[in-house]
Amino acid sequence: MWLLRTPEDAISPFTFRIPPGKIKTIGRAPNADFIVDATLVSRLHCRISAGAAELQVEDLESTNGTYVNGERVDRAALRSGDRLGVGEVQFVVSRSSRTAAEASPR
C-alpha cells in the first residue's frame, strides 16, 4: 500500500492510500479520485499509477505543474520519501505494510 500524506503541520491534512496495481487522479473536480480543493490545483491535475516497487506520476497538463522533490515534471517515478507537489499542497510518499483490508475501518 502506497501513502501520500501532507506533512503533520499542514493546515488541511490529507492522507491518500493507493494499493499496487491501481491508477488514481488528483484534482479539484468531483470526478477526480482524490479531491484536493486547494490553491493552484487544476480540475484534473495529475495521475498516479501504483506499482509494487514505485509510483509513477503523470501531469495532466495542469496549469501550475506537478513537482517531484522541487522539480517540475511531466512524468516521474516516485519512491518512499519523495515529495510530490500539486498546486500549493505537498505530499510525502511512503509505503505501508498494511493491506487495504487492514486499513479500512470495521
N, C-alpha and C. Protein backbone atom coordinates (compact mmCIF):
# COMPACT_ATOMS: atom_id res chain seq x y z
N MET A 1 0.84 -1.17 0.00
CA MET A 1 0.00 0.00 0.00
C MET A 1 0.89 1.24 0.00
N TRP A 2 0.64 2.14 -0.94
CA TRP A 2 1.35 3.42 -1.00
C TRP A 2 0.53 4.48 -0.30
N LEU A 3 1.19 5.42 0.34
CA LEU A 3 0.52 6.51 1.03
C LEU A 3 1.06 7.85 0.52
N LEU A 4 0.15 8.78 0.31
CA LEU A 4 0.50 10.18 0.03
C LEU A 4 -0.06 10.97 1.21
N ARG A 5 0.82 11.61 1.97
CA ARG A 5 0.40 12.35 3.16
C ARG A 5 0.94 13.75 3.13
N THR A 6 0.12 14.68 3.57
CA THR A 6 0.63 16.03 3.77
C THR A 6 1.45 16.02 5.06
N PRO A 7 2.40 16.93 5.19
CA PRO A 7 3.20 16.98 6.42
C PRO A 7 2.30 17.19 7.64
N GLU A 8 2.78 16.78 8.80
CA GLU A 8 1.98 16.85 10.03
C GLU A 8 1.53 18.26 10.38
N ASP A 9 2.30 19.28 9.96
CA ASP A 9 1.94 20.66 10.30
C ASP A 9 1.05 21.32 9.24
N ALA A 10 0.52 20.55 8.29
CA ALA A 10 -0.32 21.10 7.23
C ALA A 10 -1.64 21.63 7.80
N ILE A 11 -2.12 22.73 7.23
CA ILE A 11 -3.39 23.32 7.66
C ILE A 11 -4.54 22.38 7.33
N SER A 12 -4.54 21.82 6.13
CA SER A 12 -5.56 20.86 5.71
C SER A 12 -4.88 19.52 5.47
N PRO A 13 -4.90 18.62 6.45
CA PRO A 13 -4.19 17.35 6.27
C PRO A 13 -4.94 16.40 5.33
N PHE A 14 -4.17 15.72 4.49
CA PHE A 14 -4.70 14.71 3.58
C PHE A 14 -3.86 13.46 3.73
N THR A 15 -4.49 12.30 3.64
CA THR A 15 -3.80 11.03 3.50
C THR A 15 -4.55 10.23 2.46
N PHE A 16 -3.85 9.86 1.39
CA PHE A 16 -4.44 9.06 0.33
C PHE A 16 -3.73 7.72 0.27
N ARG A 17 -4.51 6.64 0.14
CA ARG A 17 -3.96 5.28 0.08
C ARG A 17 -4.15 4.74 -1.34
N ILE A 18 -3.08 4.15 -1.89
CA ILE A 18 -3.12 3.61 -3.25
C ILE A 18 -2.54 2.20 -3.23
N PRO A 19 -3.36 1.19 -3.42
CA PRO A 19 -2.84 -0.18 -3.49
C PRO A 19 -2.08 -0.40 -4.79
N PRO A 20 -1.08 -1.28 -4.79
CA PRO A 20 -0.37 -1.61 -6.03
C PRO A 20 -1.36 -2.08 -7.10
N GLY A 21 -1.11 -1.65 -8.33
CA GLY A 21 -1.97 -2.02 -9.45
C GLY A 21 -3.09 -1.04 -9.73
N LYS A 22 -3.25 -0.02 -8.90
CA LYS A 22 -4.32 0.96 -9.07
C LYS A 22 -3.80 2.24 -9.72
N ILE A 23 -4.70 2.95 -10.40
CA ILE A 23 -4.41 4.24 -11.01
C ILE A 23 -5.42 5.23 -10.45
N LYS A 24 -4.94 6.36 -9.95
CA LYS A 24 -5.81 7.37 -9.33
C LYS A 24 -5.46 8.75 -9.86
N THR A 25 -6.46 9.63 -9.91
CA THR A 25 -6.24 11.02 -10.32
C THR A 25 -6.38 11.92 -9.09
N ILE A 26 -5.65 13.05 -9.15
CA ILE A 26 -5.71 14.07 -8.12
C ILE A 26 -6.15 15.37 -8.79
N GLY A 27 -7.11 16.07 -8.19
CA GLY A 27 -7.55 17.35 -8.73
C GLY A 27 -8.70 17.93 -7.94
N ARG A 28 -9.21 19.08 -8.40
CA ARG A 28 -10.32 19.77 -7.74
C ARG A 28 -11.68 19.26 -8.20
N ALA A 29 -11.76 18.63 -9.36
CA ALA A 29 -13.04 18.22 -9.95
C ALA A 29 -13.70 17.10 -9.16
N PRO A 30 -15.02 17.06 -9.16
CA PRO A 30 -15.73 15.99 -8.47
C PRO A 30 -15.42 14.60 -9.03
N ASN A 31 -14.99 14.53 -10.27
CA ASN A 31 -14.68 13.22 -10.86
C ASN A 31 -13.22 12.79 -10.62
N ALA A 32 -12.44 13.58 -9.90
CA ALA A 32 -11.08 13.16 -9.53
C ALA A 32 -11.21 12.09 -8.44
N ASP A 33 -10.31 11.11 -8.47
CA ASP A 33 -10.34 10.07 -7.44
C ASP A 33 -10.01 10.65 -6.06
N PHE A 34 -9.00 11.54 -6.01
CA PHE A 34 -8.61 12.21 -4.77
C PHE A 34 -8.85 13.70 -4.98
N ILE A 35 -9.86 14.24 -4.31
CA ILE A 35 -10.23 15.64 -4.49
C ILE A 35 -9.43 16.50 -3.53
N VAL A 36 -8.71 17.47 -4.12
CA VAL A 36 -7.91 18.42 -3.35
C VAL A 36 -8.35 19.82 -3.77
N ASP A 37 -9.19 20.43 -2.96
CA ASP A 37 -9.70 21.76 -3.26
C ASP A 37 -8.77 22.78 -2.62
N ALA A 38 -7.68 23.06 -3.31
CA ALA A 38 -6.66 23.97 -2.77
C ALA A 38 -6.15 24.89 -3.88
N THR A 39 -5.50 25.95 -3.48
CA THR A 39 -4.96 26.93 -4.41
C THR A 39 -4.00 26.29 -5.39
N LEU A 40 -4.13 26.67 -6.67
CA LEU A 40 -3.27 26.27 -7.78
C LEU A 40 -3.41 24.80 -8.20
N VAL A 41 -4.42 24.09 -7.69
CA VAL A 41 -4.68 22.71 -8.12
C VAL A 41 -5.66 22.75 -9.27
N SER A 42 -5.32 22.10 -10.39
CA SER A 42 -6.19 22.04 -11.56
C SER A 42 -7.33 21.05 -11.33
N ARG A 43 -8.35 21.14 -12.20
CA ARG A 43 -9.50 20.23 -12.06
C ARG A 43 -9.05 18.77 -12.07
N LEU A 44 -8.29 18.37 -13.07
CA LEU A 44 -7.62 17.07 -13.08
C LEU A 44 -6.15 17.37 -13.21
N HIS A 45 -5.45 17.33 -12.12
CA HIS A 45 -4.07 17.82 -12.05
C HIS A 45 -3.04 16.77 -12.48
N CYS A 46 -3.11 15.57 -11.89
CA CYS A 46 -2.14 14.53 -12.21
C CYS A 46 -2.73 13.14 -12.00
N ARG A 47 -2.05 12.16 -12.55
CA ARG A 47 -2.45 10.75 -12.44
C ARG A 47 -1.33 10.00 -11.74
N ILE A 48 -1.71 9.15 -10.78
CA ILE A 48 -0.76 8.33 -10.03
C ILE A 48 -1.02 6.87 -10.37
N SER A 49 0.02 6.17 -10.80
CA SER A 49 -0.07 4.74 -11.10
C SER A 49 0.81 4.01 -10.08
N ALA A 50 0.21 3.07 -9.35
CA ALA A 50 0.93 2.37 -8.29
C ALA A 50 1.44 1.02 -8.77
N GLY A 51 2.73 0.81 -8.60
CA GLY A 51 3.35 -0.48 -8.87
C GLY A 51 3.83 -1.08 -7.55
N ALA A 52 4.42 -2.23 -7.62
CA ALA A 52 4.93 -2.88 -6.41
C ALA A 52 6.14 -2.15 -5.85
N ALA A 53 7.02 -1.64 -6.73
CA ALA A 53 8.28 -1.04 -6.28
C ALA A 53 8.28 0.48 -6.30
N GLU A 54 7.38 1.11 -7.07
CA GLU A 54 7.36 2.56 -7.15
C GLU A 54 6.01 3.05 -7.64
N LEU A 55 5.81 4.34 -7.49
CA LEU A 55 4.66 5.03 -8.05
C LEU A 55 5.13 5.80 -9.28
N GLN A 56 4.24 5.98 -10.23
CA GLN A 56 4.50 6.86 -11.36
C GLN A 56 3.52 8.02 -11.28
N VAL A 57 4.00 9.24 -11.47
CA VAL A 57 3.12 10.39 -11.53
C VAL A 57 3.20 10.97 -12.93
N GLU A 58 2.05 11.35 -13.46
CA GLU A 58 1.98 11.98 -14.78
C GLU A 58 1.14 13.24 -14.66
N ASP A 59 1.72 14.37 -15.04
CA ASP A 59 1.00 15.64 -15.04
C ASP A 59 -0.05 15.59 -16.14
N LEU A 60 -1.26 16.04 -15.86
CA LEU A 60 -2.35 16.02 -16.84
C LEU A 60 -2.57 17.42 -17.42
N GLU A 61 -1.47 18.02 -17.89
CA GLU A 61 -1.48 19.36 -18.48
C GLU A 61 -2.05 20.38 -17.50
N SER A 62 -1.67 20.26 -16.25
CA SER A 62 -2.13 21.20 -15.23
C SER A 62 -1.55 22.59 -15.51
N THR A 63 -2.26 23.59 -15.08
CA THR A 63 -1.82 24.96 -15.30
C THR A 63 -0.55 25.28 -14.53
N ASN A 64 -0.46 24.82 -13.29
CA ASN A 64 0.65 25.21 -12.42
C ASN A 64 1.69 24.13 -12.22
N GLY A 65 1.55 22.99 -12.89
CA GLY A 65 2.59 21.97 -12.87
C GLY A 65 2.52 21.02 -11.69
N THR A 66 3.20 19.89 -11.88
CA THR A 66 3.37 18.86 -10.87
C THR A 66 4.86 18.79 -10.56
N TYR A 67 5.20 18.70 -9.28
CA TYR A 67 6.60 18.77 -8.85
C TYR A 67 6.98 17.54 -8.04
N VAL A 68 8.18 17.03 -8.30
CA VAL A 68 8.75 15.95 -7.51
C VAL A 68 10.06 16.46 -6.93
N ASN A 69 10.12 16.48 -5.62
CA ASN A 69 11.31 16.98 -4.91
C ASN A 69 11.74 18.36 -5.41
N GLY A 70 10.74 19.22 -5.68
CA GLY A 70 11.00 20.60 -6.07
C GLY A 70 11.21 20.84 -7.56
N GLU A 71 11.24 19.79 -8.38
CA GLU A 71 11.44 19.95 -9.82
C GLU A 71 10.16 19.65 -10.58
N ARG A 72 9.83 20.55 -11.52
CA ARG A 72 8.63 20.35 -12.33
C ARG A 72 8.83 19.16 -13.26
N VAL A 73 7.80 18.28 -13.34
CA VAL A 73 7.89 17.07 -14.16
C VAL A 73 6.63 16.90 -15.00
N ASP A 74 6.81 16.25 -16.15
CA ASP A 74 5.66 15.79 -16.93
C ASP A 74 5.29 14.38 -16.50
N ARG A 75 6.33 13.58 -16.20
CA ARG A 75 6.18 12.20 -15.74
C ARG A 75 7.41 11.87 -14.91
N ALA A 76 7.22 11.13 -13.82
CA ALA A 76 8.36 10.78 -12.98
C ALA A 76 8.01 9.58 -12.10
N ALA A 77 9.05 8.90 -11.66
CA ALA A 77 8.91 7.81 -10.69
C ALA A 77 8.97 8.42 -9.29
N LEU A 78 8.13 7.91 -8.40
CA LEU A 78 8.12 8.33 -7.01
C LEU A 78 8.49 7.15 -6.13
N ARG A 79 9.33 7.41 -5.16
CA ARG A 79 9.73 6.37 -4.20
C ARG A 79 9.48 6.89 -2.79
N SER A 80 9.51 6.00 -1.85
CA SER A 80 9.29 6.36 -0.46
C SER A 80 10.26 7.49 -0.06
N GLY A 81 9.70 8.52 0.56
CA GLY A 81 10.49 9.67 0.99
C GLY A 81 10.43 10.85 0.03
N ASP A 82 10.00 10.62 -1.22
CA ASP A 82 9.89 11.72 -2.18
C ASP A 82 8.76 12.66 -1.78
N ARG A 83 8.88 13.91 -2.27
CA ARG A 83 7.84 14.91 -2.04
C ARG A 83 7.17 15.23 -3.36
N LEU A 84 5.84 15.14 -3.37
CA LEU A 84 5.03 15.42 -4.55
C LEU A 84 4.30 16.73 -4.33
N GLY A 85 4.51 17.70 -5.24
CA GLY A 85 3.85 18.99 -5.16
C GLY A 85 2.73 19.09 -6.17
N VAL A 86 1.52 19.35 -5.67
CA VAL A 86 0.32 19.51 -6.50
C VAL A 86 -0.29 20.85 -6.09
N GLY A 87 -0.14 21.88 -6.95
CA GLY A 87 -0.55 23.21 -6.53
C GLY A 87 0.26 23.61 -5.32
N GLU A 88 -0.41 24.14 -4.31
CA GLU A 88 0.29 24.52 -3.08
C GLU A 88 0.34 23.40 -2.06
N VAL A 89 -0.14 22.22 -2.42
CA VAL A 89 -0.17 21.08 -1.49
C VAL A 89 1.06 20.21 -1.72
N GLN A 90 1.72 19.88 -0.63
CA GLN A 90 2.89 18.99 -0.67
C GLN A 90 2.52 17.66 -0.02
N PHE A 91 2.83 16.57 -0.71
CA PHE A 91 2.62 15.23 -0.16
C PHE A 91 3.97 14.56 0.03
N VAL A 92 4.08 13.74 1.06
CA VAL A 92 5.25 12.90 1.26
C VAL A 92 4.83 11.48 0.90
N VAL A 93 5.62 10.83 0.06
CA VAL A 93 5.33 9.47 -0.39
C VAL A 93 5.91 8.48 0.62
N SER A 94 5.12 7.46 0.97
CA SER A 94 5.63 6.40 1.85
C SER A 94 4.94 5.09 1.53
N ARG A 95 5.50 4.02 2.08
CA ARG A 95 4.94 2.68 1.92
C ARG A 95 4.37 2.23 3.25
N SER A 96 3.28 1.51 3.20
CA SER A 96 2.71 0.91 4.39
C SER A 96 2.67 -0.59 4.17
N SER A 97 2.98 -1.35 5.19
CA SER A 97 2.93 -2.80 5.06
C SER A 97 1.52 -3.32 5.27
N ARG A 98 0.59 -2.44 5.69
CA ARG A 98 -0.79 -2.84 5.90
C ARG A 98 -1.49 -3.06 4.57
N THR A 99 -2.37 -4.02 4.52
CA THR A 99 -3.15 -4.28 3.31
C THR A 99 -4.36 -3.36 3.30
N ALA A 100 -5.04 -3.27 2.17
CA ALA A 100 -6.23 -2.42 2.05
C ALA A 100 -7.31 -2.88 3.04
N ALA A 101 -7.46 -4.19 3.23
CA ALA A 101 -8.48 -4.71 4.15
C ALA A 101 -8.15 -4.31 5.59
N GLU A 102 -6.87 -4.32 5.96
CA GLU A 102 -6.48 -3.94 7.31
C GLU A 102 -6.66 -2.44 7.55
N ALA A 103 -6.50 -1.63 6.49
CA ALA A 103 -6.56 -0.18 6.62
C ALA A 103 -7.99 0.34 6.68
N SER A 104 -8.96 -0.43 6.18
CA SER A 104 -10.34 0.06 6.15
C SER A 104 -10.98 -0.09 7.52
N PRO A 105 -11.85 0.87 7.88
CA PRO A 105 -12.49 0.81 9.19
C PRO A 105 -13.45 -0.37 9.29
N ARG A 106 -13.63 -0.88 10.48
CA ARG A 106 -14.53 -2.03 10.70
C ARG A 106 -15.84 -1.59 11.22
